[in-house]
């Protein structure tokens, strides 16, 4: 068995140390990965100075390269985002825009650098839009070169126009916990397969 690692990019709009529903969801998923022997870590993108743009390094204090190095070092990516106005939040969209630069970045075999990495998506909110948000994020991640496991998306949405957030729940609902467990199980399996047999070069 290959030693695997998972990184959660938490795309909350809320900087540390304030609580975040996206981080609570990401932490639950990472706990599931740890049950499969996967090393885990996470970061809140909003705590970094990430410049707008579609280059690997936008210069002038841009900290995206720091985040990108951690993505490159991980086997599995968990992208966690809240829903705002029915869409992924602006931080998640910015992550996708920055990852766009890696469409033209290749490894020593000429493959896109994100080939062989697995991506999953987690969404929280108290309005509609979870399925569309997962679809948007997964499409972009796959375009960049990430592989998507079976049932690699998970979400919790509360009652519309109410004030209860995921972080306010006493425990993770059974349906969400079961989905998170399946996500981690399938993503670990796929990452192990790719670690043992990478995509062919051209």
N, C-alpha and C. Protein backbone atom coordinates (compact mmCIF):
# COMPACT_ATOMS: atom_id res chain seq x y z
N UNK A 1 0.84 -1.19 0.00
CA UNK A 1 0.00 0.00 0.00
C UNK A 1 0.88 1.25 0.00
N UNK A 2 0.53 2.19 -0.87
CA UNK A 2 1.25 3.46 -0.93
C UNK A 2 0.76 4.38 0.17
N UNK A 3 1.69 5.12 0.78
CA UNK A 3 1.33 6.11 1.79
C UNK A 3 0.64 7.27 1.10
N UNK A 4 -0.62 7.54 1.43
CA UNK A 4 -1.40 8.58 0.77
C UNK A 4 -1.65 9.76 1.70
N UNK A 5 -1.87 10.92 1.08
CA UNK A 5 -2.19 12.12 1.86
C UNK A 5 -3.34 12.86 1.20
N UNK A 6 -4.13 13.54 2.03
CA UNK A 6 -5.27 14.32 1.55
C UNK A 6 -5.17 15.73 2.10
N UNK A 7 -5.47 16.70 1.24
CA UNK A 7 -5.48 18.11 1.63
C UNK A 7 -6.88 18.67 1.39
N UNK A 8 -7.42 19.35 2.41
CA UNK A 8 -8.69 20.04 2.25
C UNK A 8 -8.44 21.53 2.05
N UNK A 9 -8.91 22.04 0.92
CA UNK A 9 -8.94 23.49 0.70
C UNK A 9 -10.31 23.96 1.14
N UNK A 10 -10.35 24.69 2.24
CA UNK A 10 -11.61 25.18 2.79
C UNK A 10 -11.85 26.57 2.22
N UNK A 11 -12.88 26.70 1.42
CA UNK A 11 -13.13 27.95 0.69
C UNK A 11 -14.15 28.83 1.38
N UNK A 12 -14.23 28.75 2.69
CA UNK A 12 -15.09 29.63 3.46
C UNK A 12 -14.70 31.10 3.22
N UNK A 13 -15.66 31.99 3.40
CA UNK A 13 -15.37 33.42 3.38
C UNK A 13 -14.90 33.92 4.74
N UNK A 14 -14.90 33.02 5.74
CA UNK A 14 -14.62 33.39 7.12
C UNK A 14 -13.18 33.05 7.49
N UNK A 15 -12.36 34.04 7.83
CA UNK A 15 -10.99 33.73 8.23
C UNK A 15 -10.93 33.15 9.65
N UNK A 16 -9.82 32.47 9.93
CA UNK A 16 -9.57 32.01 11.29
C UNK A 16 -9.47 33.21 12.22
N UNK A 17 -9.88 33.06 13.51
CA UNK A 17 -10.26 31.82 14.19
C UNK A 17 -11.76 31.58 14.25
N UNK A 18 -12.55 32.35 13.53
CA UNK A 18 -14.01 32.20 13.62
C UNK A 18 -14.44 30.86 13.05
N UNK A 19 -15.51 30.28 13.60
CA UNK A 19 -15.97 28.96 13.14
C UNK A 19 -16.49 29.02 11.71
N UNK A 20 -16.40 27.89 11.01
CA UNK A 20 -16.81 27.80 9.62
C UNK A 20 -17.50 26.46 9.37
N UNK A 21 -18.69 26.51 8.77
CA UNK A 21 -19.39 25.27 8.43
C UNK A 21 -18.62 24.46 7.40
N UNK A 22 -17.99 25.15 6.44
CA UNK A 22 -17.20 24.44 5.42
C UNK A 22 -16.05 23.68 6.07
N UNK A 23 -15.45 24.29 7.09
CA UNK A 23 -14.34 23.61 7.76
C UNK A 23 -14.82 22.42 8.58
N UNK A 24 -15.97 22.56 9.22
CA UNK A 24 -16.54 21.45 9.99
C UNK A 24 -16.80 20.27 9.06
N UNK A 25 -17.39 20.55 7.89
CA UNK A 25 -17.64 19.48 6.91
C UNK A 25 -16.32 18.86 6.44
N UNK A 26 -15.35 19.70 6.11
CA UNK A 26 -14.05 19.19 5.64
C UNK A 26 -13.39 18.33 6.71
N UNK A 27 -13.48 18.75 7.97
CA UNK A 27 -12.86 18.01 9.05
C UNK A 27 -13.50 16.63 9.20
N UNK A 28 -14.80 16.57 9.06
CA UNK A 28 -15.48 15.27 9.15
C UNK A 28 -14.99 14.34 8.05
N UNK A 29 -14.84 14.86 6.85
CA UNK A 29 -14.36 14.05 5.72
C UNK A 29 -12.92 13.62 5.96
N UNK A 30 -12.08 14.52 6.44
CA UNK A 30 -10.69 14.16 6.71
C UNK A 30 -10.60 13.08 7.78
N UNK A 31 -11.47 13.14 8.76
CA UNK A 31 -11.50 12.08 9.78
C UNK A 31 -11.79 10.72 9.14
N UNK A 32 -12.69 10.72 8.16
CA UNK A 32 -12.99 9.48 7.45
C UNK A 32 -11.76 8.98 6.68
N UNK A 33 -11.04 9.90 6.05
CA UNK A 33 -9.80 9.51 5.37
C UNK A 33 -8.78 8.92 6.33
N UNK A 34 -8.68 9.51 7.50
CA UNK A 34 -7.72 9.00 8.48
C UNK A 34 -8.05 7.58 8.90
N UNK A 35 -9.33 7.22 8.90
CA UNK A 35 -9.73 5.85 9.22
C UNK A 35 -9.19 4.85 8.19
N UNK A 36 -8.83 5.37 6.99
CA UNK A 36 -8.25 4.53 5.95
C UNK A 36 -6.73 4.67 5.88
N UNK A 37 -6.15 5.29 6.89
CA UNK A 37 -4.70 5.42 6.95
C UNK A 37 -4.13 6.56 6.12
N UNK A 38 -4.98 7.46 5.67
CA UNK A 38 -4.53 8.59 4.86
C UNK A 38 -4.13 9.74 5.78
N UNK A 39 -2.96 10.31 5.52
CA UNK A 39 -2.52 11.50 6.27
C UNK A 39 -3.31 12.71 5.77
N UNK A 40 -3.70 13.60 6.67
CA UNK A 40 -4.56 14.70 6.27
C UNK A 40 -4.04 16.06 6.77
N UNK A 41 -4.45 17.09 6.07
CA UNK A 41 -4.19 18.46 6.48
C UNK A 41 -5.22 19.35 5.81
N UNK A 42 -5.33 20.58 6.26
CA UNK A 42 -6.29 21.50 5.67
C UNK A 42 -5.81 22.93 5.82
N UNK A 43 -6.40 23.81 5.03
CA UNK A 43 -6.12 25.24 5.14
C UNK A 43 -7.34 26.02 4.67
N UNK A 44 -7.48 27.22 5.21
CA UNK A 44 -8.51 28.13 4.72
C UNK A 44 -7.85 29.07 3.71
N UNK A 45 -8.33 29.03 2.50
CA UNK A 45 -7.73 29.83 1.44
C UNK A 45 -7.79 31.31 1.77
N UNK A 46 -8.86 31.75 2.44
CA UNK A 46 -9.04 33.16 2.75
C UNK A 46 -7.96 33.69 3.69
N UNK A 47 -7.25 32.81 4.38
CA UNK A 47 -6.18 33.23 5.28
C UNK A 47 -4.88 33.51 4.54
N UNK A 48 -4.86 33.31 3.23
CA UNK A 48 -3.69 33.55 2.40
C UNK A 48 -3.95 34.71 1.46
N UNK A 49 -2.90 35.38 1.06
CA UNK A 49 -3.00 36.46 0.08
C UNK A 49 -2.95 35.86 -1.32
N UNK A 50 -4.12 35.53 -1.84
CA UNK A 50 -4.20 34.91 -3.16
C UNK A 50 -4.65 35.97 -4.16
N UNK A 51 -3.78 36.27 -5.11
CA UNK A 51 -4.07 37.30 -6.11
C UNK A 51 -5.08 36.78 -7.13
N UNK A 52 -5.82 37.69 -7.71
CA UNK A 52 -6.70 37.33 -8.83
C UNK A 52 -5.85 37.11 -10.07
N UNK A 53 -6.24 36.12 -10.86
CA UNK A 53 -5.50 35.85 -12.08
C UNK A 53 -5.54 34.39 -12.46
N UNK A 54 -4.90 34.06 -13.57
CA UNK A 54 -4.89 32.69 -14.07
C UNK A 54 -3.46 32.25 -14.39
N UNK A 55 -2.52 32.67 -13.57
CA UNK A 55 -1.14 32.24 -13.70
C UNK A 55 -0.73 31.47 -12.45
N UNK A 56 0.30 30.64 -12.59
CA UNK A 56 0.81 29.88 -11.45
C UNK A 56 1.26 30.82 -10.33
N UNK A 57 1.90 31.91 -10.69
CA UNK A 57 2.40 32.88 -9.71
C UNK A 57 2.13 34.28 -10.24
N UNK A 58 1.28 35.03 -9.55
CA UNK A 58 0.95 36.39 -9.98
C UNK A 58 1.93 37.42 -9.44
N UNK A 59 2.92 36.96 -8.65
CA UNK A 59 3.95 37.87 -8.14
C UNK A 59 3.43 38.84 -7.09
N UNK A 60 4.32 39.74 -6.63
CA UNK A 60 3.95 40.82 -5.71
C UNK A 60 3.25 40.30 -4.46
N UNK A 61 3.85 39.29 -3.82
CA UNK A 61 3.30 38.76 -2.57
C UNK A 61 2.22 37.71 -2.72
N UNK A 62 1.97 37.26 -3.92
CA UNK A 62 0.97 36.23 -4.16
C UNK A 62 1.34 34.95 -3.42
N UNK A 63 0.41 34.44 -2.60
CA UNK A 63 0.67 33.23 -1.82
C UNK A 63 0.04 31.99 -2.42
N UNK A 64 -0.56 32.11 -3.61
CA UNK A 64 -1.09 30.91 -4.24
C UNK A 64 -0.02 29.84 -4.44
N UNK A 65 1.21 30.20 -4.83
CA UNK A 65 2.23 29.15 -4.99
C UNK A 65 2.43 28.30 -3.74
N UNK A 66 2.24 28.88 -2.56
CA UNK A 66 2.36 28.11 -1.32
C UNK A 66 1.25 27.06 -1.26
N UNK A 67 0.03 27.48 -1.58
CA UNK A 67 -1.10 26.56 -1.59
C UNK A 67 -0.90 25.50 -2.68
N UNK A 68 -0.48 25.95 -3.85
CA UNK A 68 -0.29 25.03 -4.98
C UNK A 68 0.74 23.95 -4.63
N UNK A 69 1.81 24.31 -3.94
CA UNK A 69 2.81 23.32 -3.55
C UNK A 69 2.19 22.25 -2.66
N UNK A 70 1.26 22.65 -1.80
CA UNK A 70 0.61 21.67 -0.92
C UNK A 70 -0.35 20.78 -1.71
N UNK A 71 -1.00 21.34 -2.73
CA UNK A 71 -1.85 20.52 -3.60
C UNK A 71 -1.00 19.50 -4.33
N UNK A 72 0.14 19.94 -4.87
CA UNK A 72 1.02 19.04 -5.61
C UNK A 72 1.59 17.94 -4.72
N UNK A 73 1.74 18.22 -3.44
CA UNK A 73 2.30 17.23 -2.52
C UNK A 73 1.27 16.22 -2.05
N UNK A 74 -0.01 16.50 -2.28
CA UNK A 74 -1.09 15.61 -1.81
C UNK A 74 -1.55 14.68 -2.93
N UNK A 75 -2.11 13.56 -2.52
CA UNK A 75 -2.70 12.61 -3.47
C UNK A 75 -4.17 12.88 -3.70
N UNK A 76 -4.83 13.45 -2.69
CA UNK A 76 -6.27 13.66 -2.72
C UNK A 76 -6.57 15.09 -2.32
N UNK A 77 -7.45 15.74 -3.07
CA UNK A 77 -7.89 17.09 -2.75
C UNK A 77 -9.35 17.06 -2.34
N UNK A 78 -9.66 17.73 -1.24
CA UNK A 78 -11.05 17.95 -0.83
C UNK A 78 -11.30 19.45 -0.98
N UNK A 79 -12.18 19.81 -1.89
CA UNK A 79 -12.54 21.21 -2.07
C UNK A 79 -13.87 21.45 -1.36
N UNK A 80 -13.84 22.23 -0.29
CA UNK A 80 -15.04 22.49 0.51
C UNK A 80 -15.47 23.93 0.32
N UNK A 81 -16.74 24.12 -0.05
CA UNK A 81 -17.23 25.47 -0.31
C UNK A 81 -18.65 25.65 0.21
N UNK A 82 -18.96 26.84 0.68
CA UNK A 82 -20.36 27.15 0.96
C UNK A 82 -21.07 27.58 -0.33
N UNK A 83 -22.39 27.57 -0.27
CA UNK A 83 -23.22 28.10 -1.35
C UNK A 83 -23.57 29.54 -1.01
N UNK A 84 -23.39 30.43 -1.97
CA UNK A 84 -23.86 31.80 -1.83
C UNK A 84 -24.65 32.16 -3.07
N UNK A 85 -25.91 32.54 -2.87
CA UNK A 85 -26.80 32.90 -3.98
C UNK A 85 -26.88 31.80 -5.02
N UNK A 86 -26.88 30.56 -4.54
CA UNK A 86 -27.05 29.42 -5.42
C UNK A 86 -25.81 28.98 -6.15
N UNK A 87 -24.65 29.55 -5.81
CA UNK A 87 -23.42 29.26 -6.54
C UNK A 87 -22.28 28.97 -5.56
N UNK A 88 -21.16 28.39 -6.06
CA UNK A 88 -19.97 28.28 -5.21
C UNK A 88 -19.54 29.67 -4.78
N UNK A 89 -18.97 29.78 -3.60
CA UNK A 89 -18.55 31.10 -3.14
C UNK A 89 -17.39 31.62 -3.98
N UNK A 90 -17.11 32.90 -3.85
CA UNK A 90 -16.08 33.55 -4.68
C UNK A 90 -14.70 32.97 -4.45
N UNK A 91 -14.42 32.50 -3.24
CA UNK A 91 -13.11 31.91 -2.95
C UNK A 91 -12.92 30.62 -3.73
N UNK A 92 -13.97 29.80 -3.79
CA UNK A 92 -13.90 28.55 -4.56
C UNK A 92 -13.70 28.84 -6.04
N UNK A 93 -14.39 29.84 -6.55
CA UNK A 93 -14.23 30.20 -7.96
C UNK A 93 -12.82 30.70 -8.22
N UNK A 94 -12.26 31.45 -7.28
CA UNK A 94 -10.89 31.94 -7.43
C UNK A 94 -9.90 30.77 -7.45
N UNK A 95 -10.13 29.76 -6.63
CA UNK A 95 -9.28 28.57 -6.64
C UNK A 95 -9.31 27.93 -8.02
N UNK A 96 -10.50 27.81 -8.59
CA UNK A 96 -10.61 27.21 -9.92
C UNK A 96 -9.87 28.04 -10.97
N UNK A 97 -9.96 29.34 -10.85
CA UNK A 97 -9.27 30.22 -11.81
C UNK A 97 -7.76 30.08 -11.69
N UNK A 98 -7.27 29.94 -10.47
CA UNK A 98 -5.83 29.78 -10.30
C UNK A 98 -5.35 28.40 -10.76
N UNK A 99 -6.20 27.37 -10.54
CA UNK A 99 -5.85 26.03 -11.02
C UNK A 99 -5.83 25.97 -12.54
N UNK A 100 -6.53 26.88 -13.19
CA UNK A 100 -6.56 26.91 -14.65
C UNK A 100 -5.15 26.99 -15.24
N UNK A 101 -4.23 27.63 -14.54
CA UNK A 101 -2.85 27.75 -15.04
C UNK A 101 -2.20 26.39 -15.21
N UNK A 102 -2.65 25.40 -14.45
CA UNK A 102 -2.02 24.08 -14.50
C UNK A 102 -2.45 23.25 -15.70
N UNK A 103 -3.35 23.79 -16.50
CA UNK A 103 -3.68 23.12 -17.76
C UNK A 103 -2.46 23.02 -18.66
N UNK A 104 -1.54 23.97 -18.51
CA UNK A 104 -0.35 23.99 -19.38
C UNK A 104 0.93 23.58 -18.65
N UNK A 105 0.81 23.14 -17.39
CA UNK A 105 1.96 22.69 -16.63
C UNK A 105 2.04 21.17 -16.70
N UNK A 106 3.20 20.64 -17.05
CA UNK A 106 3.34 19.20 -17.24
C UNK A 106 4.46 18.63 -16.39
N UNK A 107 4.39 17.29 -16.19
CA UNK A 107 5.45 16.60 -15.47
C UNK A 107 6.55 16.18 -16.45
N UNK A 108 7.52 15.41 -15.95
CA UNK A 108 8.67 15.04 -16.78
C UNK A 108 8.29 14.11 -17.93
N UNK A 109 7.09 13.51 -17.83
CA UNK A 109 6.60 12.64 -18.90
C UNK A 109 5.67 13.37 -19.87
N UNK A 110 5.48 14.67 -19.63
CA UNK A 110 4.62 15.45 -20.51
C UNK A 110 3.15 15.41 -20.15
N UNK A 111 2.81 14.83 -18.99
CA UNK A 111 1.42 14.78 -18.56
C UNK A 111 1.07 16.03 -17.74
N UNK A 112 -0.17 16.51 -17.77
CA UNK A 112 -0.57 17.59 -16.87
C UNK A 112 -0.22 17.24 -15.42
N UNK A 113 0.25 18.22 -14.67
CA UNK A 113 0.79 17.93 -13.33
C UNK A 113 -0.24 17.40 -12.35
N UNK A 114 -1.52 17.64 -12.61
CA UNK A 114 -2.55 17.15 -11.69
C UNK A 114 -3.02 15.73 -12.04
N UNK A 115 -2.50 15.16 -13.12
CA UNK A 115 -2.82 13.77 -13.44
C UNK A 115 -2.37 12.88 -12.27
N UNK A 116 -3.18 11.90 -11.96
CA UNK A 116 -2.84 10.98 -10.88
C UNK A 116 -3.34 11.43 -9.52
N UNK A 117 -3.90 12.64 -9.46
CA UNK A 117 -4.47 13.13 -8.20
C UNK A 117 -5.98 13.00 -8.24
N UNK A 118 -6.55 12.75 -7.07
CA UNK A 118 -7.99 12.57 -6.93
C UNK A 118 -8.60 13.81 -6.30
N UNK A 119 -9.76 14.22 -6.78
CA UNK A 119 -10.45 15.38 -6.21
C UNK A 119 -11.86 15.01 -5.77
N UNK A 120 -12.27 15.59 -4.66
CA UNK A 120 -13.63 15.45 -4.16
C UNK A 120 -14.16 16.83 -3.81
N UNK A 121 -15.47 16.94 -3.68
CA UNK A 121 -16.10 18.24 -3.42
C UNK A 121 -17.10 18.11 -2.28
N UNK A 122 -17.07 19.07 -1.36
CA UNK A 122 -18.01 19.12 -0.25
C UNK A 122 -18.66 20.50 -0.22
N UNK A 123 -19.98 20.51 -0.02
CA UNK A 123 -20.74 21.76 -0.08
C UNK A 123 -21.63 21.88 1.15
N UNK A 124 -21.73 23.09 1.68
CA UNK A 124 -22.65 23.37 2.78
C UNK A 124 -23.42 24.64 2.46
N UNK A 125 -24.59 24.78 3.05
CA UNK A 125 -25.38 25.99 2.85
C UNK A 125 -26.77 25.83 3.39
N UNK A 126 -27.51 26.92 3.40
CA UNK A 126 -28.93 26.82 3.75
C UNK A 126 -29.76 27.49 2.66
N UNK A 127 -29.47 27.08 1.43
CA UNK A 127 -30.25 27.46 0.26
C UNK A 127 -30.00 26.42 -0.82
N UNK A 128 -30.79 26.45 -1.87
CA UNK A 128 -30.65 25.49 -2.95
C UNK A 128 -29.34 25.71 -3.71
N UNK A 129 -28.91 24.67 -4.43
CA UNK A 129 -27.76 24.83 -5.30
C UNK A 129 -26.65 23.83 -5.07
N UNK A 130 -26.84 22.86 -4.18
CA UNK A 130 -25.75 21.93 -3.85
C UNK A 130 -25.32 21.12 -5.06
N UNK A 131 -26.27 20.54 -5.79
CA UNK A 131 -25.91 19.69 -6.92
C UNK A 131 -25.22 20.49 -8.01
N UNK A 132 -25.70 21.68 -8.30
CA UNK A 132 -25.06 22.52 -9.32
C UNK A 132 -23.66 22.93 -8.88
N UNK A 133 -23.51 23.26 -7.61
CA UNK A 133 -22.20 23.67 -7.11
C UNK A 133 -21.20 22.52 -7.23
N UNK A 134 -21.61 21.32 -6.85
CA UNK A 134 -20.74 20.16 -6.99
C UNK A 134 -20.40 19.93 -8.45
N UNK A 135 -21.40 20.03 -9.32
CA UNK A 135 -21.17 19.81 -10.75
C UNK A 135 -20.18 20.81 -11.31
N UNK A 136 -20.34 22.08 -10.96
CA UNK A 136 -19.43 23.12 -11.46
C UNK A 136 -18.00 22.87 -11.00
N UNK A 137 -17.83 22.56 -9.73
CA UNK A 137 -16.50 22.34 -9.20
C UNK A 137 -15.86 21.09 -9.79
N UNK A 138 -16.64 20.01 -9.89
CA UNK A 138 -16.09 18.76 -10.42
C UNK A 138 -15.69 18.89 -11.89
N UNK A 139 -16.49 19.62 -12.66
CA UNK A 139 -16.15 19.80 -14.06
C UNK A 139 -14.81 20.53 -14.19
N UNK A 140 -14.64 21.59 -13.42
CA UNK A 140 -13.40 22.34 -13.48
C UNK A 140 -12.21 21.52 -13.02
N UNK A 141 -12.36 20.79 -11.93
CA UNK A 141 -11.27 19.98 -11.40
C UNK A 141 -10.87 18.89 -12.39
N UNK A 142 -11.86 18.27 -13.03
CA UNK A 142 -11.56 17.25 -14.02
C UNK A 142 -10.88 17.84 -15.24
N UNK A 143 -11.29 19.03 -15.66
CA UNK A 143 -10.64 19.70 -16.79
C UNK A 143 -9.15 19.90 -16.52
N UNK A 144 -8.83 20.26 -15.28
CA UNK A 144 -7.43 20.53 -14.92
C UNK A 144 -6.60 19.24 -14.88
N UNK A 145 -7.27 18.10 -14.67
CA UNK A 145 -6.55 16.83 -14.68
C UNK A 145 -6.80 15.93 -13.50
N UNK A 146 -7.58 16.40 -12.53
CA UNK A 146 -7.90 15.55 -11.38
C UNK A 146 -8.85 14.43 -11.80
N UNK A 147 -8.74 13.29 -11.13
CA UNK A 147 -9.66 12.18 -11.32
C UNK A 147 -10.74 12.23 -10.24
N UNK A 148 -11.96 11.87 -10.61
CA UNK A 148 -13.09 11.95 -9.70
C UNK A 148 -13.56 10.55 -9.32
N UNK A 149 -13.66 10.24 -8.03
CA UNK A 149 -14.13 8.93 -7.61
C UNK A 149 -15.64 8.81 -7.75
N UNK A 150 -16.14 7.59 -7.75
CA UNK A 150 -17.58 7.37 -7.71
C UNK A 150 -18.15 8.05 -6.46
N UNK A 151 -19.24 8.78 -6.63
CA UNK A 151 -19.91 9.47 -5.53
C UNK A 151 -18.92 10.31 -4.72
N UNK A 152 -18.14 11.10 -5.45
CA UNK A 152 -17.11 11.92 -4.82
C UNK A 152 -17.57 13.29 -4.39
N UNK A 153 -18.88 13.54 -4.39
CA UNK A 153 -19.42 14.80 -3.91
C UNK A 153 -20.33 14.57 -2.71
N UNK A 154 -20.30 15.50 -1.77
CA UNK A 154 -21.14 15.40 -0.59
C UNK A 154 -21.65 16.78 -0.23
N UNK A 155 -22.80 16.84 0.45
CA UNK A 155 -23.33 18.15 0.81
C UNK A 155 -24.29 18.07 1.97
N UNK A 156 -24.48 19.22 2.60
CA UNK A 156 -25.57 19.43 3.55
C UNK A 156 -26.16 20.79 3.26
N UNK A 157 -27.47 20.85 3.09
CA UNK A 157 -28.15 22.13 2.96
C UNK A 157 -29.31 22.16 3.95
N UNK A 158 -29.37 23.23 4.71
CA UNK A 158 -30.44 23.38 5.68
C UNK A 158 -31.68 23.99 5.05
N UNK A 159 -32.64 24.24 5.87
CA UNK A 159 -33.90 24.82 5.39
C UNK A 159 -33.65 26.21 4.82
N UNK A 160 -34.21 26.47 3.66
CA UNK A 160 -33.99 27.75 2.99
C UNK A 160 -34.47 28.93 3.85
N UNK A 161 -33.69 30.00 3.80
CA UNK A 161 -34.00 31.27 4.47
C UNK A 161 -34.09 31.13 5.99
N UNK A 162 -33.39 30.13 6.53
CA UNK A 162 -33.32 29.97 7.98
C UNK A 162 -31.88 30.23 8.43
N UNK A 163 -31.65 30.20 9.72
CA UNK A 163 -30.35 30.62 10.26
C UNK A 163 -29.50 29.46 10.77
N UNK A 164 -29.97 28.22 10.68
CA UNK A 164 -29.20 27.08 11.16
C UNK A 164 -28.14 26.70 10.12
N UNK A 165 -26.88 26.69 10.55
CA UNK A 165 -25.78 26.31 9.68
C UNK A 165 -25.28 24.92 10.06
N UNK A 166 -24.47 24.34 9.19
CA UNK A 166 -23.92 23.01 9.45
C UNK A 166 -23.14 22.98 10.76
N UNK A 167 -22.42 24.05 11.03
CA UNK A 167 -21.61 24.10 12.25
C UNK A 167 -22.46 24.15 13.52
N UNK A 168 -23.74 24.45 13.38
CA UNK A 168 -24.64 24.54 14.52
C UNK A 168 -25.23 23.20 14.92
N UNK A 169 -25.08 22.18 14.08
CA UNK A 169 -25.68 20.89 14.36
C UNK A 169 -24.95 20.17 15.50
N UNK A 170 -25.70 19.44 16.30
CA UNK A 170 -25.10 18.68 17.40
C UNK A 170 -24.30 17.48 16.87
N UNK A 171 -24.74 16.93 15.75
CA UNK A 171 -24.02 15.82 15.15
C UNK A 171 -24.28 15.81 13.64
N UNK A 172 -23.41 15.15 12.93
CA UNK A 172 -23.57 15.04 11.48
C UNK A 172 -24.75 14.12 11.19
N UNK A 173 -25.71 14.56 10.37
CA UNK A 173 -26.85 13.69 10.04
C UNK A 173 -26.38 12.37 9.42
N UNK A 174 -27.12 11.32 9.69
CA UNK A 174 -26.71 9.99 9.24
C UNK A 174 -26.48 9.93 7.73
N UNK A 175 -27.36 10.55 6.96
CA UNK A 175 -27.22 10.49 5.50
C UNK A 175 -25.94 11.16 5.04
N UNK A 176 -25.57 12.27 5.68
CA UNK A 176 -24.33 12.98 5.32
C UNK A 176 -23.13 12.16 5.77
N UNK A 177 -23.19 11.61 6.98
CA UNK A 177 -22.08 10.80 7.49
C UNK A 177 -21.83 9.60 6.59
N UNK A 178 -22.90 8.95 6.14
CA UNK A 178 -22.76 7.80 5.25
C UNK A 178 -22.15 8.21 3.91
N UNK A 179 -22.59 9.34 3.38
CA UNK A 179 -22.05 9.82 2.11
C UNK A 179 -20.57 10.19 2.26
N UNK A 180 -20.23 10.85 3.35
CA UNK A 180 -18.84 11.22 3.58
C UNK A 180 -17.94 9.98 3.69
N UNK A 181 -18.46 8.95 4.36
CA UNK A 181 -17.69 7.72 4.51
C UNK A 181 -17.45 7.07 3.15
N UNK A 182 -18.49 7.04 2.31
CA UNK A 182 -18.34 6.47 0.98
C UNK A 182 -17.39 7.27 0.11
N UNK A 183 -17.48 8.59 0.21
CA UNK A 183 -16.56 9.46 -0.53
C UNK A 183 -15.12 9.15 -0.17
N UNK A 184 -14.82 9.08 1.12
CA UNK A 184 -13.45 8.82 1.56
C UNK A 184 -12.98 7.42 1.14
N UNK A 185 -13.86 6.46 1.26
CA UNK A 185 -13.51 5.08 0.88
C UNK A 185 -13.19 4.99 -0.62
N UNK A 186 -14.06 5.58 -1.44
CA UNK A 186 -13.86 5.50 -2.89
C UNK A 186 -12.67 6.33 -3.35
N UNK A 187 -12.49 7.51 -2.76
CA UNK A 187 -11.36 8.36 -3.13
C UNK A 187 -10.04 7.71 -2.75
N UNK A 188 -9.99 7.07 -1.59
CA UNK A 188 -8.77 6.38 -1.18
C UNK A 188 -8.46 5.24 -2.13
N UNK A 189 -9.49 4.50 -2.50
CA UNK A 189 -9.30 3.38 -3.43
C UNK A 189 -8.76 3.87 -4.77
N UNK A 190 -9.36 4.92 -5.31
CA UNK A 190 -8.91 5.45 -6.60
C UNK A 190 -7.50 6.01 -6.51
N UNK A 191 -7.19 6.73 -5.43
CA UNK A 191 -5.85 7.29 -5.27
C UNK A 191 -4.80 6.18 -5.18
N UNK A 192 -5.16 5.08 -4.52
CA UNK A 192 -4.23 3.95 -4.42
C UNK A 192 -3.98 3.35 -5.80
N UNK A 193 -5.03 3.19 -6.59
CA UNK A 193 -4.87 2.65 -7.94
C UNK A 193 -3.98 3.55 -8.79
N UNK A 194 -4.20 4.86 -8.71
CA UNK A 194 -3.41 5.79 -9.51
C UNK A 194 -1.96 5.88 -9.02
N UNK A 195 -1.77 5.72 -7.71
CA UNK A 195 -0.40 5.72 -7.19
C UNK A 195 0.38 4.52 -7.70
N UNK A 196 -0.32 3.42 -7.90
CA UNK A 196 0.33 2.19 -8.38
C UNK A 196 0.43 2.13 -9.90
N UNK A 197 -0.44 2.88 -10.60
CA UNK A 197 -0.45 2.83 -12.05
C UNK A 197 -0.91 4.18 -12.60
N UNK A 198 0.04 5.04 -12.86
CA UNK A 198 -0.24 6.40 -13.34
C UNK A 198 -0.79 6.37 -14.77
N UNK A 199 -1.50 7.42 -15.15
CA UNK A 199 -1.97 7.54 -16.52
C UNK A 199 -0.79 7.49 -17.49
N UNK A 200 -0.98 6.94 -18.68
CA UNK A 200 0.13 6.86 -19.63
C UNK A 200 0.49 8.24 -20.18
N UNK A 201 1.74 8.40 -20.52
CA UNK A 201 2.19 9.61 -21.19
C UNK A 201 1.82 9.53 -22.67
N UNK A 202 1.90 10.64 -23.36
CA UNK A 202 1.59 10.65 -24.80
C UNK A 202 2.61 9.82 -25.57
